[in-house]
């Protein structure tokens, strides 16, 4: 298997405005090549022994292996949650020009 060079990172946020603020900062700081922000999603989860059912927005970021740790740290700093969801998944395959673009921009 080839070495993973790029990642997709999922981050949920309490509002589209917060997701946009975080995403724009990460792109401006070259920690992410791009940020896609979905409309409202519904999140059901356990928090402090209670079941929560909340509206959130999902942000999908693309970054390079070299920037991944810095992106996770910075997204956590910018986020309003005490324990933000920040999950990175490796990109094992994709359109080569797009994967090169990610590596060049993050």
Protein backbone atom coordinates (compact mmCIF):
# COMPACT_ATOMS: atom_id res chain seq x y z
CA UNK A 1 0.00 0.00 0.00
CA UNK A 2 1.31 3.46 -0.83
CA UNK A 3 2.06 6.09 1.78
CA UNK A 4 -0.91 8.29 2.75
CA UNK A 5 -0.19 11.88 1.77
CA UNK A 6 -3.60 13.51 2.29
CA UNK A 7 -6.50 13.39 4.73
CA UNK A 8 -10.17 14.25 4.91
CA UNK A 9 -11.02 15.77 8.30
CA UNK A 10 -14.57 15.95 9.66
CA UNK A 11 -15.43 18.69 12.16
CA UNK A 12 -18.90 19.42 13.52
CA UNK A 13 -19.81 22.91 14.74
CA UNK A 14 -22.86 24.39 16.46
CA UNK A 15 -23.57 26.80 13.60
CA UNK A 16 -22.73 27.50 9.99
CA UNK A 17 -21.13 30.80 11.06
CA UNK A 18 -18.72 29.05 13.43
CA UNK A 19 -17.88 26.38 10.85
CA UNK A 20 -17.19 29.11 8.27
CA UNK A 21 -14.98 31.04 10.70
CA UNK A 22 -12.95 27.94 11.53
CA UNK A 23 -12.78 26.79 7.90
CA UNK A 24 -11.71 30.18 6.58
CA UNK A 25 -8.99 30.48 9.22
CA UNK A 26 -7.63 27.01 8.47
CA UNK A 27 -7.52 27.73 4.73
CA UNK A 28 -5.97 31.20 5.26
CA UNK A 29 -3.30 29.64 7.49
CA UNK A 30 -2.66 26.93 4.84
CA UNK A 31 -3.57 24.16 7.26
CA UNK A 32 -6.38 23.03 4.94
CA UNK A 33 -6.57 23.20 1.17
CA UNK A 34 -10.34 23.70 1.36
CA UNK A 35 -13.31 23.52 3.67
CA UNK A 36 -16.76 22.32 2.60
CA UNK A 37 -19.60 23.20 4.96
CA UNK A 38 -22.88 21.34 4.85
CA UNK A 39 -26.22 22.75 5.82
CA UNK A 40 -27.79 21.79 9.08
CA UNK A 41 -27.39 18.20 10.25
CA UNK A 42 -28.96 16.49 13.23
CA UNK A 43 -26.57 15.02 15.80
CA UNK A 44 -27.69 12.57 18.48
CA UNK A 45 -25.04 11.72 21.03
CA UNK A 46 -24.32 11.04 24.69
CA UNK A 47 -22.77 13.91 26.65
CA UNK A 48 -22.30 13.98 30.42
CA UNK A 49 -24.68 11.02 30.92
CA UNK A 50 -27.49 12.60 28.90
CA UNK A 51 -28.68 11.93 25.36
CA UNK A 52 -28.45 15.12 23.30
CA UNK A 53 -30.30 15.82 20.05
CA UNK A 54 -28.93 19.00 18.47
CA UNK A 55 -28.64 20.84 15.17
CA UNK A 56 -25.06 21.20 13.96
CA UNK A 57 -23.13 21.84 10.76
CA UNK A 58 -20.56 19.46 9.32
CA UNK A 59 -17.32 20.74 7.88
CA UNK A 60 -15.23 18.56 5.57
CA UNK A 61 -11.61 19.65 5.31
CA UNK A 62 -8.84 18.36 3.08
CA UNK A 63 -5.24 18.57 4.25
CA UNK A 64 -1.80 17.09 3.75
CA UNK A 65 -0.07 14.63 6.05
CA UNK A 66 2.46 17.33 6.90
CA UNK A 67 -0.27 19.73 8.13
CA UNK A 68 -2.62 17.26 9.83
CA UNK A 69 -1.43 17.62 13.44
CA UNK A 70 -1.30 21.42 13.19
CA UNK A 71 -4.81 21.47 11.68
CA UNK A 72 -6.20 19.35 14.52
CA UNK A 73 -4.55 21.57 17.15
CA UNK A 74 -5.68 24.82 15.51
CA UNK A 75 -9.25 23.63 14.87
CA UNK A 76 -9.50 22.67 18.53
CA UNK A 77 -8.23 26.13 19.59
CA UNK A 78 -10.76 27.91 17.36
CA UNK A 79 -13.73 25.72 18.35
CA UNK A 80 -16.31 26.68 20.97
CA UNK A 81 -16.90 23.10 22.18
CA UNK A 82 -14.95 21.68 25.13
CA UNK A 83 -14.51 18.42 23.20
CA UNK A 84 -14.94 19.14 19.49
CA UNK A 85 -15.39 16.34 16.99
CA UNK A 86 -12.27 16.38 14.82
CA UNK A 87 -11.77 13.11 12.96
CA UNK A 88 -9.17 12.51 10.25
CA UNK A 89 -9.49 9.77 7.64
CA UNK A 90 -6.69 8.93 5.22
CA UNK A 91 -7.25 9.36 1.51
CA UNK A 92 -5.84 6.19 -0.03
CA UNK A 93 -6.89 6.91 -3.59
CA UNK A 94 -8.35 9.72 -5.65
CA UNK A 95 -8.01 11.80 -8.79
CA UNK A 96 -4.22 12.42 -8.93
CA UNK A 97 -4.39 16.11 -9.95
CA UNK A 98 -6.78 16.81 -7.05
CA UNK A 99 -4.58 14.96 -4.56
CA UNK A 100 -1.58 16.96 -5.80
CA UNK A 101 -3.59 20.19 -5.38
CA UNK A 102 -4.33 19.28 -1.74
CA UNK A 103 -0.65 18.60 -1.06
CA UNK A 104 0.35 21.93 -2.69
CA UNK A 105 -2.23 24.01 -0.77
CA UNK A 106 -2.07 22.58 2.75
